[in-house]
Each structure stands twice: as structure tokens, then as C-alpha cells.
Amino acid sequence: MPAVSETELEELCIVSKVTVKSESGAGYQGELCPNLNIAVTRAEAPKCIRCWNHREDVGSVSEHPELCERCGKVVLRSLS
């Protein structure tokens, strides 16, 4: 089990998605962590208008189709 979850890394790095893989590959390799490769790609998912994260779950809350599930729940909770 990793010390930090993918969700925590997403929040820490302020990015839409983090995928941790234990395999070698192309990408940035830092001097301080020679076994760590980091690859960055553009998100393909739609963008939530509230949090600005690109997430696959945008549109999953029918009352707020422009929001991701997390933001949709927050908005619905604040309105009730």
C-alpha cells in the first residue's frame, strides 16, 4: 500500500488525475529520486465549471450537469 493515495496526490499536485504505476517508462526523471519517472498528459475528460478539474464524472448529477460528482454533492447539500 502506498504512503500517499492517488486522490491525495491529485490534491497535493493540484491536478485532475494521478495514476501510480510500478513500471519503468518515459517521462521526467529527477536527480533526487532516480527510480521515479513522471509523465504528464493533457486531460481528455470534461471540465467541471466549479473546481476546474477535468473529471470523467462531470454530468453525473442530473440537477447540475456542468459539475463533477463531488461539486454537485456540495452544491446540493448547500441548497438543502
Protein backbone atom coordinates (compact mmCIF):
# COMPACT_ATOMS: atom_id res chain seq x y z
CA MET A 1 0.00 0.00 0.00
CA PRO A 2 1.48 3.40 -0.97
CA ALA A 3 2.17 6.00 1.70
CA VAL A 4 0.06 8.53 -0.24
CA SER A 5 -3.08 7.69 -2.22
CA GLU A 6 -3.69 8.78 -5.80
CA THR A 7 -6.50 11.07 -4.57
CA GLU A 8 -4.16 12.72 -2.07
CA LEU A 9 -1.55 13.20 -4.81
CA GLU A 10 -4.18 14.81 -7.06
CA GLU A 11 -4.99 17.33 -4.34
CA LEU A 12 -1.33 17.91 -3.43
CA CYS A 13 -0.25 18.47 -7.04
CA ILE A 14 -3.47 20.33 -7.96
CA VAL A 15 -4.13 18.12 -10.98
CA SER A 16 -7.19 16.35 -12.34
CA LYS A 17 -5.89 12.79 -12.15
CA VAL A 18 -2.89 10.85 -10.87
CA THR A 19 -2.14 7.26 -11.83
CA VAL A 20 0.64 5.50 -9.95
CA LYS A 21 2.31 2.66 -11.86
CA SER A 22 5.17 0.48 -10.74
CA GLU A 23 6.83 0.13 -14.12
CA SER A 24 9.54 1.95 -15.98
CA GLY A 25 8.61 4.30 -18.75
CA ALA A 26 9.20 7.57 -20.49
CA GLY A 27 8.90 10.82 -18.61
CA TYR A 28 10.81 13.21 -16.41
CA GLN A 29 13.39 11.56 -14.17
CA GLY A 30 14.63 13.69 -11.29
CA GLU A 31 18.10 13.63 -9.80
CA LEU A 32 16.94 13.19 -6.20
CA CYS A 33 14.73 10.16 -6.95
CA PRO A 34 16.42 8.22 -9.77
CA ASN A 35 13.78 5.45 -9.74
CA LEU A 36 10.88 7.89 -10.14
CA ASN A 37 9.59 8.76 -13.61
CA ILE A 38 6.87 11.36 -14.04
CA ALA A 39 4.84 11.69 -17.24
CA VAL A 40 2.30 14.47 -17.80
CA THR A 41 -0.50 14.34 -20.36
CA ARG A 42 -3.41 16.60 -21.19
CA ALA A 43 -6.71 15.54 -19.63
CA GLU A 44 -9.37 14.29 -22.04
CA ALA A 45 -12.29 14.43 -19.58
CA PRO A 46 -14.75 17.35 -19.47
CA LYS A 47 -14.00 20.25 -17.12
CA CYS A 48 -16.14 20.98 -14.05
CA ILE A 49 -17.11 24.66 -14.01
CA ARG A 50 -16.83 24.85 -10.21
CA CYS A 51 -13.48 23.19 -9.36
CA TRP A 52 -11.99 23.37 -12.88
CA ASN A 53 -10.81 19.77 -12.67
CA HIS A 54 -11.18 17.62 -15.75
CA ARG A 55 -13.13 14.59 -14.48
CA GLU A 56 -14.98 11.70 -16.07
CA ASP A 57 -17.89 12.17 -13.65
CA VAL A 58 -18.86 15.66 -14.92
CA GLY A 59 -22.57 15.45 -15.66
CA SER A 60 -23.31 12.61 -13.25
CA VAL A 61 -25.50 14.83 -11.03
CA SER A 62 -28.64 15.45 -13.08
CA GLU A 63 -29.55 18.66 -11.24
CA HIS A 64 -26.15 20.17 -12.14
CA PRO A 65 -24.84 18.58 -15.36
CA GLU A 66 -21.95 21.05 -15.62
CA LEU A 67 -20.46 19.88 -12.30
CA CYS A 68 -18.42 16.84 -11.26
CA GLU A 69 -19.95 14.47 -8.73
CA ARG A 70 -18.04 15.94 -5.78
CA CYS A 71 -19.02 19.54 -6.58
CA GLY A 72 -22.59 18.51 -7.39
CA LYS A 73 -22.95 16.94 -3.95
CA VAL A 74 -21.53 20.05 -2.27
CA VAL A 75 -23.93 22.35 -4.14
CA LEU A 76 -26.94 20.13 -3.44
CA ARG A 77 -26.02 19.94 0.26
CA SER A 78 -25.65 23.73 0.50
CA LEU A 79 -29.07 24.28 -1.09
CA SER A 80 -30.89 21.99 1.33
